[in-house]
Amino acid sequence: MLAKNTQTVRSLAPRKDGRRSLLLYLNSDVIKALKRQALEQERHAYEIAEEAIAAWLNHDAQSASKNRKA
């Protein structure tokens, strides 16, 4: 069971785009590949990661919806 965090970490200033921070521990090869792709596409790594996570969540939600209908 996870312990309840009693402290809230606040950044100095909120981002204008409404994004919030999230710490993820990833395999170093995944990080390198993500950074490489970001450089090649001239994009931020967080944009690629956000798109991939959103696509996975959407696919997962669609799969769950199909399983409920069956």
N, C-alpha and C. Protein backbone atom coordinates (compact mmCIF):
# COMPACT_ATOMS: atom_id res chain seq x y z
N MET A 1 0.84 -1.17 0.00
CA MET A 1 0.00 0.00 0.00
C MET A 1 0.89 1.23 0.00
N LEU A 2 0.48 2.27 -0.74
CA LEU A 2 1.23 3.50 -0.82
C LEU A 2 0.92 4.39 0.37
N ALA A 3 1.96 4.99 0.92
CA ALA A 3 1.76 5.91 2.02
C ALA A 3 1.22 7.23 1.48
N LYS A 4 0.36 7.86 2.25
CA LYS A 4 -0.20 9.14 1.83
C LYS A 4 0.85 10.22 2.00
N ASN A 5 1.08 10.96 0.93
CA ASN A 5 2.05 12.04 0.97
C ASN A 5 1.42 13.24 1.64
N THR A 6 2.04 13.71 2.71
CA THR A 6 1.47 14.83 3.45
C THR A 6 2.02 16.17 2.97
N GLN A 7 3.06 16.14 2.13
CA GLN A 7 3.64 17.37 1.61
C GLN A 7 3.24 17.55 0.15
N THR A 8 2.99 18.78 -0.21
CA THR A 8 2.69 19.11 -1.59
C THR A 8 3.87 19.87 -2.16
N VAL A 9 4.36 19.40 -3.31
CA VAL A 9 5.46 20.08 -3.97
C VAL A 9 4.86 21.06 -4.96
N ARG A 10 5.26 22.30 -4.86
CA ARG A 10 4.74 23.33 -5.76
C ARG A 10 5.89 23.93 -6.54
N SER A 11 5.65 24.13 -7.82
CA SER A 11 6.67 24.79 -8.63
C SER A 11 6.64 26.29 -8.35
N LEU A 12 7.67 26.96 -8.78
CA LEU A 12 7.75 28.40 -8.53
C LEU A 12 6.63 29.16 -9.22
N ALA A 13 6.34 28.82 -10.45
CA ALA A 13 5.27 29.48 -11.19
C ALA A 13 4.53 28.45 -12.02
N PRO A 14 3.20 28.52 -12.05
CA PRO A 14 2.46 27.56 -12.87
C PRO A 14 2.73 27.80 -14.35
N ARG A 15 2.69 26.72 -15.11
CA ARG A 15 2.91 26.84 -16.55
C ARG A 15 1.70 27.49 -17.20
N LYS A 16 1.93 28.26 -18.23
CA LYS A 16 0.84 28.93 -18.93
C LYS A 16 -0.04 27.95 -19.69
N ASP A 17 0.55 26.80 -20.09
CA ASP A 17 -0.22 25.81 -20.85
C ASP A 17 -1.00 24.84 -19.96
N GLY A 18 -0.90 25.00 -18.64
CA GLY A 18 -1.66 24.17 -17.71
C GLY A 18 -1.05 22.82 -17.41
N ARG A 19 0.09 22.49 -18.00
CA ARG A 19 0.72 21.20 -17.73
C ARG A 19 1.26 21.16 -16.32
N ARG A 20 1.31 19.97 -15.75
CA ARG A 20 1.88 19.74 -14.44
C ARG A 20 3.02 18.75 -14.57
N SER A 21 3.90 18.74 -13.59
CA SER A 21 5.05 17.83 -13.66
C SER A 21 4.69 16.45 -13.13
N LEU A 22 5.43 15.45 -13.63
CA LEU A 22 5.27 14.06 -13.20
C LEU A 22 6.63 13.40 -13.34
N LEU A 23 7.09 12.78 -12.28
CA LEU A 23 8.38 12.10 -12.32
C LEU A 23 8.16 10.64 -12.70
N LEU A 24 8.83 10.20 -13.76
CA LEU A 24 8.76 8.82 -14.21
C LEU A 24 10.17 8.25 -14.26
N TYR A 25 10.34 7.03 -13.83
CA TYR A 25 11.61 6.33 -13.96
C TYR A 25 11.50 5.40 -15.16
N LEU A 26 12.34 5.66 -16.17
CA LEU A 26 12.31 4.89 -17.40
C LEU A 26 13.66 4.24 -17.64
N ASN A 27 13.64 3.16 -18.38
CA ASN A 27 14.87 2.49 -18.80
C ASN A 27 15.73 3.48 -19.58
N SER A 28 17.03 3.48 -19.35
CA SER A 28 17.91 4.45 -20.01
C SER A 28 17.86 4.36 -21.53
N ASP A 29 17.65 3.17 -22.07
CA ASP A 29 17.54 3.03 -23.53
C ASP A 29 16.29 3.72 -24.05
N VAL A 30 15.21 3.66 -23.30
CA VAL A 30 13.97 4.34 -23.69
C VAL A 30 14.18 5.85 -23.66
N ILE A 31 14.84 6.34 -22.64
CA ILE A 31 15.10 7.78 -22.54
C ILE A 31 15.96 8.25 -23.71
N LYS A 32 17.02 7.50 -24.01
CA LYS A 32 17.89 7.87 -25.13
C LYS A 32 17.12 7.89 -26.44
N ALA A 33 16.29 6.89 -26.68
CA ALA A 33 15.52 6.82 -27.92
C ALA A 33 14.51 7.97 -28.00
N LEU A 34 13.89 8.29 -26.88
CA LEU A 34 12.94 9.40 -26.85
C LEU A 34 13.64 10.72 -27.16
N LYS A 35 14.77 10.95 -26.54
CA LYS A 35 15.52 12.19 -26.79
C LYS A 35 16.01 12.26 -28.24
N ARG A 36 16.45 11.13 -28.77
CA ARG A 36 16.91 11.09 -30.16
C ARG A 36 15.77 11.45 -31.11
N GLN A 37 14.60 10.86 -30.88
CA GLN A 37 13.44 11.16 -31.72
C GLN A 37 13.03 12.63 -31.60
N ALA A 38 13.09 13.15 -30.40
CA ALA A 38 12.74 14.56 -30.19
C ALA A 38 13.68 15.48 -30.97
N LEU A 39 14.96 15.16 -30.94
CA LEU A 39 15.92 15.96 -31.70
C LEU A 39 15.66 15.85 -33.20
N GLU A 40 15.44 14.63 -33.68
CA GLU A 40 15.21 14.41 -35.11
C GLU A 40 13.94 15.11 -35.59
N GLN A 41 12.92 15.14 -34.76
CA GLN A 41 11.64 15.75 -35.13
C GLN A 41 11.56 17.22 -34.73
N GLU A 42 12.62 17.72 -34.11
CA GLU A 42 12.64 19.10 -33.61
C GLU A 42 11.43 19.40 -32.74
N ARG A 43 11.23 18.51 -31.78
CA ARG A 43 10.12 18.63 -30.83
C ARG A 43 10.66 18.43 -29.43
N HIS A 44 9.83 18.73 -28.45
CA HIS A 44 10.18 18.44 -27.07
C HIS A 44 9.87 16.98 -26.77
N ALA A 45 10.70 16.37 -25.94
CA ALA A 45 10.49 14.97 -25.56
C ALA A 45 9.14 14.80 -24.86
N TYR A 46 8.75 15.78 -24.05
CA TYR A 46 7.48 15.65 -23.34
C TYR A 46 6.29 15.61 -24.30
N GLU A 47 6.41 16.27 -25.46
CA GLU A 47 5.32 16.24 -26.44
C GLU A 47 5.14 14.84 -27.00
N ILE A 48 6.25 14.20 -27.32
CA ILE A 48 6.21 12.83 -27.85
C ILE A 48 5.67 11.87 -26.79
N ALA A 49 6.17 12.01 -25.57
CA ALA A 49 5.72 11.15 -24.48
C ALA A 49 4.24 11.35 -24.20
N GLU A 50 3.80 12.60 -24.20
CA GLU A 50 2.39 12.90 -23.94
C GLU A 50 1.49 12.29 -25.01
N GLU A 51 1.90 12.40 -26.28
CA GLU A 51 1.12 11.81 -27.38
C GLU A 51 1.05 10.29 -27.24
N ALA A 52 2.18 9.67 -26.92
CA ALA A 52 2.22 8.21 -26.79
C ALA A 52 1.34 7.74 -25.63
N ILE A 53 1.41 8.43 -24.51
CA ILE A 53 0.60 8.05 -23.36
C ILE A 53 -0.88 8.25 -23.65
N ALA A 54 -1.23 9.38 -24.28
CA ALA A 54 -2.63 9.64 -24.62
C ALA A 54 -3.16 8.58 -25.58
N ALA A 55 -2.36 8.20 -26.57
CA ALA A 55 -2.78 7.16 -27.51
C ALA A 55 -2.97 5.82 -26.80
N TRP A 56 -2.07 5.49 -25.89
CA TRP A 56 -2.20 4.23 -25.15
C TRP A 56 -3.45 4.26 -24.28
N LEU A 57 -3.70 5.37 -23.60
CA LEU A 57 -4.89 5.48 -22.76
C LEU A 57 -6.16 5.37 -23.59
N ASN A 58 -6.17 6.00 -24.76
CA ASN A 58 -7.32 5.94 -25.64
C ASN A 58 -7.56 4.51 -26.13
N HIS A 59 -6.49 3.84 -26.53
CA HIS A 59 -6.60 2.45 -26.97
C HIS A 59 -7.09 1.56 -25.83
N ASP A 60 -6.54 1.76 -24.65
CA ASP A 60 -6.93 0.97 -23.48
C ASP A 60 -8.39 1.20 -23.13
N ALA A 61 -8.86 2.44 -23.23
CA ALA A 61 -10.25 2.75 -22.95
C ALA A 61 -11.17 2.11 -23.97
N GLN A 62 -10.76 2.14 -25.24
CA GLN A 62 -11.57 1.50 -26.30
C GLN A 62 -11.64 -0.01 -26.10
N SER A 63 -10.52 -0.61 -25.70
CA SER A 63 -10.49 -2.06 -25.44
C SER A 63 -11.42 -2.41 -24.28
N ALA A 64 -11.40 -1.60 -23.24
CA ALA A 64 -12.24 -1.86 -22.08
C ALA A 64 -13.72 -1.71 -22.46
N SER A 65 -14.03 -0.72 -23.30
CA SER A 65 -15.38 -0.51 -23.74
C SER A 65 -15.88 -1.69 -24.57
N LYS A 66 -15.04 -2.21 -25.45
CA LYS A 66 -15.42 -3.36 -26.27
C LYS A 66 -15.64 -4.59 -25.39
N ASN A 67 -14.81 -4.76 -24.36
CA ASN A 67 -14.95 -5.91 -23.47
C ASN A 67 -16.23 -5.83 -22.67
N ARG A 68 -16.67 -4.63 -22.31
CA ARG A 68 -17.92 -4.50 -21.56
C ARG A 68 -19.13 -4.82 -22.42
N LYS A 69 -19.03 -4.54 -23.72
CA LYS A 69 -20.16 -4.79 -24.64
C LYS A 69 -20.28 -6.28 -24.95
N ALA A 70 -19.20 -7.01 -24.85
CA ALA A 70 -19.21 -8.43 -25.23
C ALA A 70 -19.90 -9.29 -24.20
